[in-house]
Amino acid sequence: MAATAFLLKQYSPAISSFEEIARHAKLRANGFSGCPADRNYVGNFMSRALSGAFTIVDRFRHPRPGASWERYLTPADLEVPLLTPDD
């Protein structure tokens, strides 16, 4: 869903889809325990999904210099310690 929405330039649904991927990974932390390739699938999926959402906001919603700028805020239920900088 995220890739399709992105290709269609439907950025809000793409961001929501990436955030749902991160939620799915976070809520199923024990569901990845049998995966042999990597021990931190939850962190891997969460970071990739949230990076996708950030990239859409930062690079595709505002591609031109001088365009109005919008800050991507990680949804509260997906925040992890040390991920959100102090403002």
PDB file of N, CA and C in Angstrom:
ATOM      1  N   MET A   1       0.814  -1.186   0.000  1.00  0.00           N
ATOM      2  CA  MET A   1       0.000   0.000   0.000  1.00  0.00           C
ATOM      3  C   MET A   1       0.867   1.263   0.000  1.00  0.00           C
ATOM      4  N   ALA A   2       1.912   1.287   0.814  1.00  0.00           N
ATOM      5  CA  ALA A   2       2.756   2.477   0.898  1.00  0.00           C
ATOM      6  C   ALA A   2       3.394   2.789  -0.450  1.00  0.00           C
ATOM      7  N   ALA A   3       3.929   1.775  -1.105  1.00  0.00           N
ATOM      8  CA  ALA A   3       4.594   2.000  -2.388  1.00  0.00           C
ATOM      9  C   ALA A   3       3.609   2.463  -3.449  1.00  0.00           C
ATOM     10  N   THR A   4       2.440   1.854  -3.488  1.00  0.00           N
ATOM     11  CA  THR A   4       1.431   2.244  -4.472  1.00  0.00           C
ATOM     12  C   THR A   4       0.986   3.676  -4.250  1.00  0.00           C
ATOM     13  N   ALA A   5       0.681   4.023  -3.008  1.00  0.00           N
ATOM     14  CA  ALA A   5       0.261   5.390  -2.698  1.00  0.00           C
ATOM     15  C   ALA A   5       1.362   6.385  -3.065  1.00  0.00           C
ATOM     16  N   PHE A   6       2.602   6.036  -2.761  1.00  0.00           N
ATOM     17  CA  PHE A   6       3.722   6.925  -3.086  1.00  0.00           C
ATOM     18  C   PHE A   6       3.830   7.135  -4.597  1.00  0.00           C
ATOM     19  N   LEU A   7       3.760   6.058  -5.363  1.00  0.00           N
ATOM     20  CA  LEU A   7       3.874   6.166  -6.819  1.00  0.00           C
ATOM     21  C   LEU A   7       2.748   7.000  -7.421  1.00  0.00           C
ATOM     22  N   LEU A   8       1.592   6.978  -6.772  1.00  0.00           N
ATOM     23  CA  LEU A   8       0.455   7.777  -7.234  1.00  0.00           C
ATOM     24  C   LEU A   8       0.483   9.207  -6.668  1.00  0.00           C
ATOM     25  N   LYS A   9       1.564   9.532  -5.957  1.00  0.00           N
ATOM     26  CA  LYS A   9       1.749  10.833  -5.323  1.00  0.00           C
ATOM     27  C   LYS A   9       0.645  11.147  -4.313  1.00  0.00           C
ATOM     28  N   GLN A  10       0.137  10.100  -3.685  1.00  0.00           N
ATOM     29  CA  GLN A  10      -0.821  10.231  -2.591  1.00  0.00           C
ATOM     30  C   GLN A  10      -0.025  10.133  -1.299  1.00  0.00           C
ATOM     31  N   TYR A  11       0.610  11.242  -0.945  1.00  0.00           N
ATOM     32  CA  TYR A  11       1.598  11.219   0.122  1.00  0.00           C
ATOM     33  C   TYR A  11       1.017  10.969   1.512  1.00  0.00           C
ATOM     34  N   SER A  12      -0.108  11.538   1.827  1.00  0.00           N
ATOM     35  CA  SER A  12      -0.683  11.302   3.158  1.00  0.00           C
ATOM     36  C   SER A  12      -1.015   9.827   3.387  1.00  0.00           C
ATOM     37  N   PRO A  13      -1.682   9.143   2.433  1.00  0.00           N
ATOM     38  CA  PRO A  13      -1.905   7.706   2.628  1.00  0.00           C
ATOM     39  C   PRO A  13      -0.601   6.898   2.686  1.00  0.00           C
ATOM     40  N   ALA A  14       0.409   7.326   1.939  1.00  0.00           N
ATOM     41  CA  ALA A  14       1.695   6.620   1.978  1.00  0.00           C
ATOM     42  C   ALA A  14       2.333   6.746   3.356  1.00  0.00           C
ATOM     43  N   ILE A  15       2.300   7.948   3.919  1.00  0.00           N
ATOM     44  CA  ILE A  15       2.853   8.160   5.256  1.00  0.00           C
ATOM     45  C   ILE A  15       2.100   7.318   6.275  1.00  0.00           C
ATOM     46  N   SER A  16       0.774   7.322   6.187  1.00  0.00           N
ATOM     47  CA  SER A  16      -0.035   6.519   7.113  1.00  0.00           C
ATOM     48  C   SER A  16       0.288   5.040   6.990  1.00  0.00           C
ATOM     49  N   SER A  17       0.499   4.586   5.780  1.00  0.00           N
ATOM     50  CA  SER A  17       0.831   3.178   5.561  1.00  0.00           C
ATOM     51  C   SER A  17       2.194   2.834   6.167  1.00  0.00           C
ATOM     52  N   PHE A  18       3.177   3.708   5.987  1.00  0.00           N
ATOM     53  CA  PHE A  18       4.489   3.480   6.606  1.00  0.00           C
ATOM     54  C   PHE A  18       4.366   3.435   8.128  1.00  0.00           C
ATOM     55  N   GLU A  19       3.576   4.325   8.694  1.00  0.00           N
ATOM     56  CA  GLU A  19       3.396   4.324  10.142  1.00  0.00           C
ATOM     57  C   GLU A  19       2.711   3.044  10.614  1.00  0.00           C
ATOM     58  N   GLU A  20       1.790   2.514   9.823  1.00  0.00           N
ATOM     59  CA  GLU A  20       1.135   1.248  10.179  1.00  0.00           C
ATOM     60  C   GLU A  20       2.129   0.082  10.140  1.00  0.00           C
ATOM     61  N   ILE A  21       3.061   0.111   9.208  1.00  0.00           N
ATOM     62  CA  ILE A  21       4.106  -0.919   9.168  1.00  0.00           C
ATOM     63  C   ILE A  21       4.896  -0.887  10.471  1.00  0.00           C
ATOM     64  N   ALA A  22       5.268   0.311  10.912  1.00  0.00           N
ATOM     65  CA  ALA A  22       6.025   0.455  12.159  1.00  0.00           C
ATOM     66  C   ALA A  22       5.199  -0.028  13.351  1.00  0.00           C
ATOM     67  N   ARG A  23       3.906   0.314  13.378  1.00  0.00           N
ATOM     68  CA  ARG A  23       3.034  -0.156  14.475  1.00  0.00           C
ATOM     69  C   ARG A  23       2.933  -1.681  14.483  1.00  0.00           C
ATOM     70  N   HIS A  24       2.784  -2.248  13.309  1.00  0.00           N
ATOM     71  CA  HIS A  24       2.676  -3.707  13.202  1.00  0.00           C
ATOM     72  C   HIS A  24       3.932  -4.369  13.772  1.00  0.00           C
ATOM     73  N   ALA A  25       5.084  -3.845  13.409  1.00  0.00           N
ATOM     74  CA  ALA A  25       6.340  -4.404  13.922  1.00  0.00           C
ATOM     75  C   ALA A  25       6.443  -4.240  15.431  1.00  0.00           C
ATOM     76  N   LYS A  26       6.106  -3.050  15.922  1.00  0.00           N
ATOM     77  CA  LYS A  26       6.236  -2.786  17.353  1.00  0.00           C
ATOM     78  C   LYS A  26       5.311  -3.676  18.180  1.00  0.00           C
ATOM     79  N   LEU A  27       4.098  -3.874  17.716  1.00  0.00           N
ATOM     80  CA  LEU A  27       3.121  -4.667  18.464  1.00  0.00           C
ATOM     81  C   LEU A  27       3.386  -6.169  18.393  1.00  0.00           C
ATOM     82  N   ARG A  28       4.163  -6.581  17.432  1.00  0.00           N
ATOM     83  CA  ARG A  28       4.450  -8.004  17.273  1.00  0.00           C
ATOM     84  C   ARG A  28       5.929  -8.301  17.503  1.00  0.00           C
ATOM     85  N   ALA A  29       6.451  -7.716  18.547  1.00  0.00           N
ATOM     86  CA  ALA A  29       7.880  -7.834  18.840  1.00  0.00           C
ATOM     87  C   ALA A  29       8.330  -9.287  18.936  1.00  0.00           C
ATOM     88  N   ASN A  30       7.510 -10.151  19.496  1.00  0.00           N
ATOM     89  CA  ASN A  30       7.898 -11.558  19.634  1.00  0.00           C
ATOM     90  C   ASN A  30       7.634 -12.361  18.373  1.00  0.00           C
ATOM     91  N   GLY A  31       6.913 -11.791  17.424  1.00  0.00           N
ATOM     92  CA  GLY A  31       6.584 -12.500  16.201  1.00  0.00           C
ATOM     93  C   GLY A  31       7.747 -12.667  15.248  1.00  0.00           C
ATOM     94  N   PHE A  32       8.852 -12.005  15.496  1.00  0.00           N
ATOM     95  CA  PHE A  32      10.004 -12.085  14.612  1.00  0.00           C
ATOM     96  C   PHE A  32      11.142 -12.912  15.208  1.00  0.00           C
ATOM     97  N   SER A  33      10.879 -13.572  16.313  1.00  0.00           N
ATOM     98  CA  SER A  33      11.957 -14.266  17.019  1.00  0.00           C
ATOM     99  C   SER A  33      12.555 -15.423  16.232  1.00  0.00           C
ATOM    100  N   GLY A  34      11.840 -15.987  15.278  1.00  0.00           N
ATOM    101  CA  GLY A  34      12.373 -17.112  14.510  1.00  0.00           C
ATOM    102  C   GLY A  34      13.148 -16.716  13.283  1.00  0.00           C
ATOM    103  N   CYS A  35      13.300 -15.447  13.021  1.00  0.00           N
ATOM    104  CA  CYS A  35      13.993 -14.994  11.819  1.00  0.00           C
ATOM    105  C   CYS A  35      15.499 -15.097  12.022  1.00  0.00           C
ATOM    106  N   PRO A  36      16.195 -15.867  11.193  1.00  0.00           N
ATOM    107  CA  PRO A  36      17.625 -16.089  11.400  1.00  0.00           C
ATOM    108  C   PRO A  36      18.532 -14.954  10.931  1.00  0.00           C
ATOM    109  N   ALA A  37      18.067 -14.109  10.012  1.00  0.00           N
ATOM    110  CA  ALA A  37      18.968 -13.130   9.402  1.00  0.00           C
ATOM    111  C   ALA A  37      19.321 -11.962  10.307  1.00  0.00           C
ATOM    112  N   ASP A  38      18.445 -11.595  11.189  1.00  0.00           N
ATOM    113  CA  ASP A  38      18.676 -10.406  11.995  1.00  0.00           C
ATOM    114  C   ASP A  38      17.949 -10.566  13.319  1.00  0.00           C
ATOM    115  N   ARG A  39      18.566 -10.174  14.406  1.00  0.00           N
ATOM    116  CA  ARG A  39      17.946 -10.318  15.728  1.00  0.00           C
ATOM    117  C   ARG A  39      17.033  -9.148  16.071  1.00  0.00           C
ATOM    118  N   ASN A  40      17.112  -8.066  15.334  1.00  0.00           N
ATOM    119  CA  ASN A  40      16.331  -6.887  15.680  1.00  0.00           C
ATOM    120  C   ASN A  40      15.379  -6.516  14.549  1.00  0.00           C
ATOM    121  N   TYR A  41      14.478  -7.423  14.205  1.00  0.00           N
ATOM    122  CA  TYR A  41      13.531  -7.130  13.143  1.00  0.00           C
ATOM    123  C   TYR A  41      12.594  -5.992  13.508  1.00  0.00           C
ATOM    124  N   VAL A  42      12.207  -5.898  14.769  1.00  0.00           N
ATOM    125  CA  VAL A  42      11.309  -4.823  15.179  1.00  0.00           C
ATOM    126  C   VAL A  42      11.966  -3.473  14.918  1.00  0.00           C
ATOM    127  N   GLY A  43      13.169  -3.284  15.406  1.00  0.00           N
ATOM    128  CA  GLY A  43      13.883  -2.032  15.180  1.00  0.00           C
ATOM    129  C   GLY A  43      14.133  -1.770  13.710  1.00  0.00           C
ATOM    130  N   ASN A  44      14.451  -2.815  12.969  1.00  0.00           N
ATOM    131  CA  ASN A  44      14.712  -2.701  11.545  1.00  0.00           C
ATOM    132  C   ASN A  44      13.466  -2.218  10.807  1.00  0.00           C
ATOM    133  N   PHE A  45      12.333  -2.899  11.013  1.00  0.00           N
ATOM    134  CA  PHE A  45      11.097  -2.509  10.329  1.00  0.00           C
ATOM    135  C   PHE A  45      10.631  -1.125  10.763  1.00  0.00           C
ATOM    136  N   MET A  46      10.711  -0.836  12.061  1.00  0.00           N
ATOM    137  CA  MET A  46      10.273   0.475  12.540  1.00  0.00           C
ATOM    138  C   MET A  46      11.127   1.587  11.938  1.00  0.00           C
ATOM    139  N   SER A  47      12.433   1.418  11.944  1.00  0.00           N
ATOM    140  CA  SER A  47      13.295   2.478  11.431  1.00  0.00           C
ATOM    141  C   SER A  47      13.109   2.683   9.933  1.00  0.00           C
ATOM    142  N   ARG A  48      12.954   1.612   9.192  1.00  0.00           N
ATOM    143  CA  ARG A  48      12.761   1.750   7.739  1.00  0.00           C
ATOM    144  C   ARG A  48      11.425   2.412   7.412  1.00  0.00           C
ATOM    145  N   ALA A  49      10.377   2.003   8.124  1.00  0.00           N
ATOM    146  CA  ALA A  49       9.053   2.574   7.864  1.00  0.00           C
ATOM    147  C   ALA A  49       9.017   4.058   8.236  1.00  0.00           C
ATOM    148  N   LEU A  50       9.548   4.411   9.399  1.00  0.00           N
ATOM    149  CA  LEU A  50       9.533   5.814   9.815  1.00  0.00           C
ATOM    150  C   LEU A  50      10.460   6.665   8.939  1.00  0.00           C
ATOM    151  N   SER A  51      11.540   6.078   8.455  1.00  0.00           N
ATOM    152  CA  SER A  51      12.409   6.801   7.514  1.00  0.00           C
ATOM    153  C   SER A  51      11.666   7.084   6.215  1.00  0.00           C
ATOM    154  N   GLY A  52      10.857   6.130   5.766  1.00  0.00           N
ATOM    155  CA  GLY A  52      10.051   6.342   4.567  1.00  0.00           C
ATOM    156  C   GLY A  52       9.072   7.483   4.750  1.00  0.00           C
ATOM    157  N   ALA A  53       8.391   7.497   5.898  1.00  0.00           N
ATOM    158  CA  ALA A  53       7.431   8.572   6.179  1.00  0.00           C
ATOM    159  C   ALA A  53       8.152   9.926   6.235  1.00  0.00           C
ATOM    160  N   PHE A  54       9.286   9.988   6.914  1.00  0.00           N
ATOM    161  CA  PHE A  54      10.059  11.224   7.006  1.00  0.00           C
ATOM    162  C   PHE A  54      10.496  11.695   5.621  1.00  0.00           C
ATOM    163  N   THR A  55      10.987  10.787   4.799  1.00  0.00           N
ATOM    164  CA  THR A  55      11.477  11.139   3.472  1.00  0.00           C
ATOM    165  C   THR A  55      10.375  11.745   2.617  1.00  0.00           C
ATOM    166  N   ILE A  56       9.171  11.187   2.697  1.00  0.00           N
ATOM    167  CA  ILE A  56       8.063  11.744   1.926  1.00  0.00           C
ATOM    168  C   ILE A  56       7.790  13.182   2.356  1.00  0.00           C
ATOM    169  N   VAL A  57       7.728  13.407   3.662  1.00  0.00           N
ATOM    170  CA  VAL A  57       7.461  14.767   4.153  1.00  0.00           C
ATOM    171  C   VAL A  57       8.595  15.704   3.758  1.00  0.00           C
ATOM    172  N   ASP A  58       9.824  15.273   3.958  1.00  0.00           N
ATOM    173  CA  ASP A  58      10.982  16.146   3.767  1.00  0.00           C
ATOM    174  C   ASP A  58      11.344  16.373   2.307  1.00  0.00           C
ATOM    175  N   ARG A  59      11.194  15.364   1.464  1.00  0.00           N
ATOM    176  CA  ARG A  59      11.689  15.474   0.086  1.00  0.00           C
ATOM    177  C   ARG A  59      10.605  15.586  -0.981  1.00  0.00           C
ATOM    178  N   PHE A  60       9.436  15.023  -0.735  1.00  0.00           N
ATOM    179  CA  PHE A  60       8.441  14.984  -1.793  1.00  0.00           C
ATOM    180  C   PHE A  60       7.277  15.944  -1.587  1.00  0.00           C
ATOM    181  N   ARG A  61       6.916  16.204  -0.363  1.00  0.00           N
ATOM    182  CA  ARG A  61       5.869  17.205  -0.142  1.00  0.00           C
ATOM    183  C   ARG A  61       6.400  18.609  -0.375  1.00  0.00           C
ATOM    184  N   HIS A  62       7.690  18.816  -0.149  1.00  0.00           N
ATOM    185  CA  HIS A  62       8.302  20.140  -0.278  1.00  0.00           C
ATOM    186  C   HIS A  62       9.605  20.029  -1.070  1.00  0.00           C
ATOM    187  N   PRO A  63       9.516  19.742  -2.363  1.00  0.00           N
ATOM    188  CA  PRO A  63      10.735  19.482  -3.131  1.00  0.00           C
ATOM    189  C   PRO A  63      11.531  20.718  -3.526  1.00  0.00           C
ATOM    190  N   ARG A  64      10.941  21.893  -3.470  1.00  0.00           N
ATOM    191  CA  ARG A  64      11.628  23.087  -3.942  1.00  0.00           C
ATOM    192  C   ARG A  64      12.173  23.919  -2.786  1.00  0.00           C
ATOM    193  N   PRO A  65      13.344  24.469  -2.934  1.00  0.00           N
ATOM    194  CA  PRO A  65      13.835  25.401  -1.915  1.00  0.00           C
ATOM    195  C   PRO A  65      12.866  26.572  -1.784  1.00  0.00           C
ATOM    196  N   GLY A  66      12.607  26.979  -0.584  1.00  0.00           N
ATOM    197  CA  GLY A  66      11.713  28.094  -0.348  1.00  0.00           C
ATOM    198  C   GLY A  66      10.258  27.686  -0.189  1.00  0.00           C
ATOM    199  N   ALA A  67       9.940  26.422  -0.474  1.00  0.00           N
ATOM    200  CA  ALA A  67       8.562  25.955  -0.281  1.00  0.00           C
ATOM    201  C   ALA A  67       8.270  25.915   1.218  1.00  0.00           C
ATOM    202  N   SER A  68       7.014  26.029   1.557  1.00  0.00           N
ATOM    203  CA  SER A  68       6.675  25.967   2.989  1.00  0.00           C
ATOM    204  C   SER A  68       7.174  24.648   3.555  1.00  0.00           C
ATOM    205  N   TRP A  69       7.696  24.695   4.738  1.00  0.00           N
ATOM    206  CA  TRP A  69       8.348  23.544   5.344  1.00  0.00           C
ATOM    207  C   TRP A  69       7.464  22.946   6.411  1.00  0.00           C
ATOM    208  N   GLU A  70       7.426  21.645   6.475  1.00  0.00           N
ATOM    209  CA  GLU A  70       6.624  20.931   7.460  1.00  0.00           C
ATOM    210  C   GLU A  70       7.537  19.928   8.163  1.00  0.00           C
ATOM    211  N   ARG A  71       7.462  19.892   9.465  1.00  0.00           N
ATOM    212  CA  ARG A  71       8.289  18.968  10.232  1.00  0.00           C
ATOM    213  C   ARG A  71       7.538  17.650  10.434  1.00  0.00           C
ATOM    214  N   TYR A  72       8.202  16.533  10.169  1.00  0.00           N
ATOM    215  CA  TYR A  72       7.586  15.235  10.424  1.00  0.00           C
ATOM    216  C   TYR A  72       7.736  14.911  11.900  1.00  0.00           C
ATOM    217  N   LEU A  73       6.631  14.654  12.539  1.00  0.00           N
ATOM    218  CA  LEU A  73       6.637  14.263  13.943  1.00  0.00           C
ATOM    219  C   LEU A  73       6.255  12.800  14.052  1.00  0.00           C
ATOM    220  N   THR A  74       7.088  12.028  14.703  1.00  0.00           N
ATOM    221  CA  THR A  74       6.793  10.617  14.907  1.00  0.00           C
ATOM    222  C   THR A  74       5.533  10.503  15.762  1.00  0.00           C
ATOM    223  N   PRO A  75       4.562   9.684  15.341  1.00  0.00           N
ATOM    224  CA  PRO A  75       3.365   9.511  16.164  1.00  0.00           C
ATOM    225  C   PRO A  75       3.742   9.053  17.579  1.00  0.00           C
ATOM    226  N   ALA A  76       3.008   9.548  18.563  1.00  0.00           N
ATOM    227  CA  ALA A  76       3.340   9.283  19.969  1.00  0.00           C
ATOM    228  C   ALA A  76       3.444   7.796  20.274  1.00  0.00           C
ATOM    229  N   ASP A  77       2.593   6.983  19.661  1.00  0.00           N
ATOM    230  CA  ASP A  77       2.627   5.548  19.962  1.00  0.00           C
ATOM    231  C   ASP A  77       3.825   4.840  19.333  1.00  0.00           C
ATOM    232  N   LEU A  78       4.562   5.541  18.481  1.00  0.00           N
ATOM    233  CA  LEU A  78       5.741   4.940  17.848  1.00  0.00           C
ATOM    234  C   LEU A  78       7.053   5.526  18.342  1.00  0.00           C
ATOM    235  N   GLU A  79       6.982   6.458  19.263  1.00  0.00           N
ATOM    236  CA  GLU A  79       8.214   7.042  19.788  1.00  0.00           C
ATOM    237  C   GLU A  79       8.960   6.013  20.608  1.00  0.00           C
ATOM    238  N   VAL A  80      10.261   6.033  20.471  1.00  0.00           N
ATOM    239  CA  VAL A  80      11.122   5.155  21.245  1.00  0.00           C
ATOM    240  C   VAL A  80      12.163   6.031  21.937  1.00  0.00           C
ATOM    241  N   PRO A  81      12.680   5.611  23.076  1.00  0.00           N
ATOM    242  CA  PRO A  81      13.679   6.429  23.771  1.00  0.00           C
ATOM    243  C   PRO A  81      14.860   6.784  22.877  1.00  0.00           C
ATOM    244  N   LEU A  82      15.301   8.007  22.979  1.00  0.00           N
ATOM    245  CA  LEU A  82      16.453   8.547  22.276  1.00  0.00           C
ATOM    246  C   LEU A  82      16.226   8.762  20.781  1.00  0.00           C
ATOM    247  N   LEU A  83      15.011   8.498  20.282  1.00  0.00           N
ATOM    248  CA  LEU A  83      14.739   8.724  18.861  1.00  0.00           C
ATOM    249  C   LEU A  83      14.312  10.160  18.615  1.00  0.00           C
ATOM    250  N   THR A  84      13.568  10.745  19.532  1.00  0.00           N
ATOM    251  CA  THR A  84      13.061  12.096  19.368  1.00  0.00           C
ATOM    252  C   THR A  84      13.992  13.077  20.080  1.00  0.00           C
ATOM    253  N   PRO A  85      14.617  13.996  19.336  1.00  0.00           N
ATOM    254  CA  PRO A  85      15.546  14.943  19.981  1.00  0.00           C
ATOM    255  C   PRO A  85      14.797  15.921  20.873  1.00  0.00           C
ATOM    256  N   ASP A  86      15.487  16.408  21.860  1.00  0.00           N
ATOM    257  CA  ASP A  86      14.907  17.435  22.746  1.00  0.00           C
ATOM    258  C   ASP A  86      14.856  18.752  21.974  1.00  0.00           C
ATOM    259  N   ASP A  87      13.742  19.443  22.109  1.00  0.00           N
ATOM    260  CA  ASP A  87      13.604  20.754  21.441  1.00  0.00           C
ATOM    261  C   ASP A  87      13.640  21.851  22.472  1.00  0.00           C
TER     262      ASP A  87
END
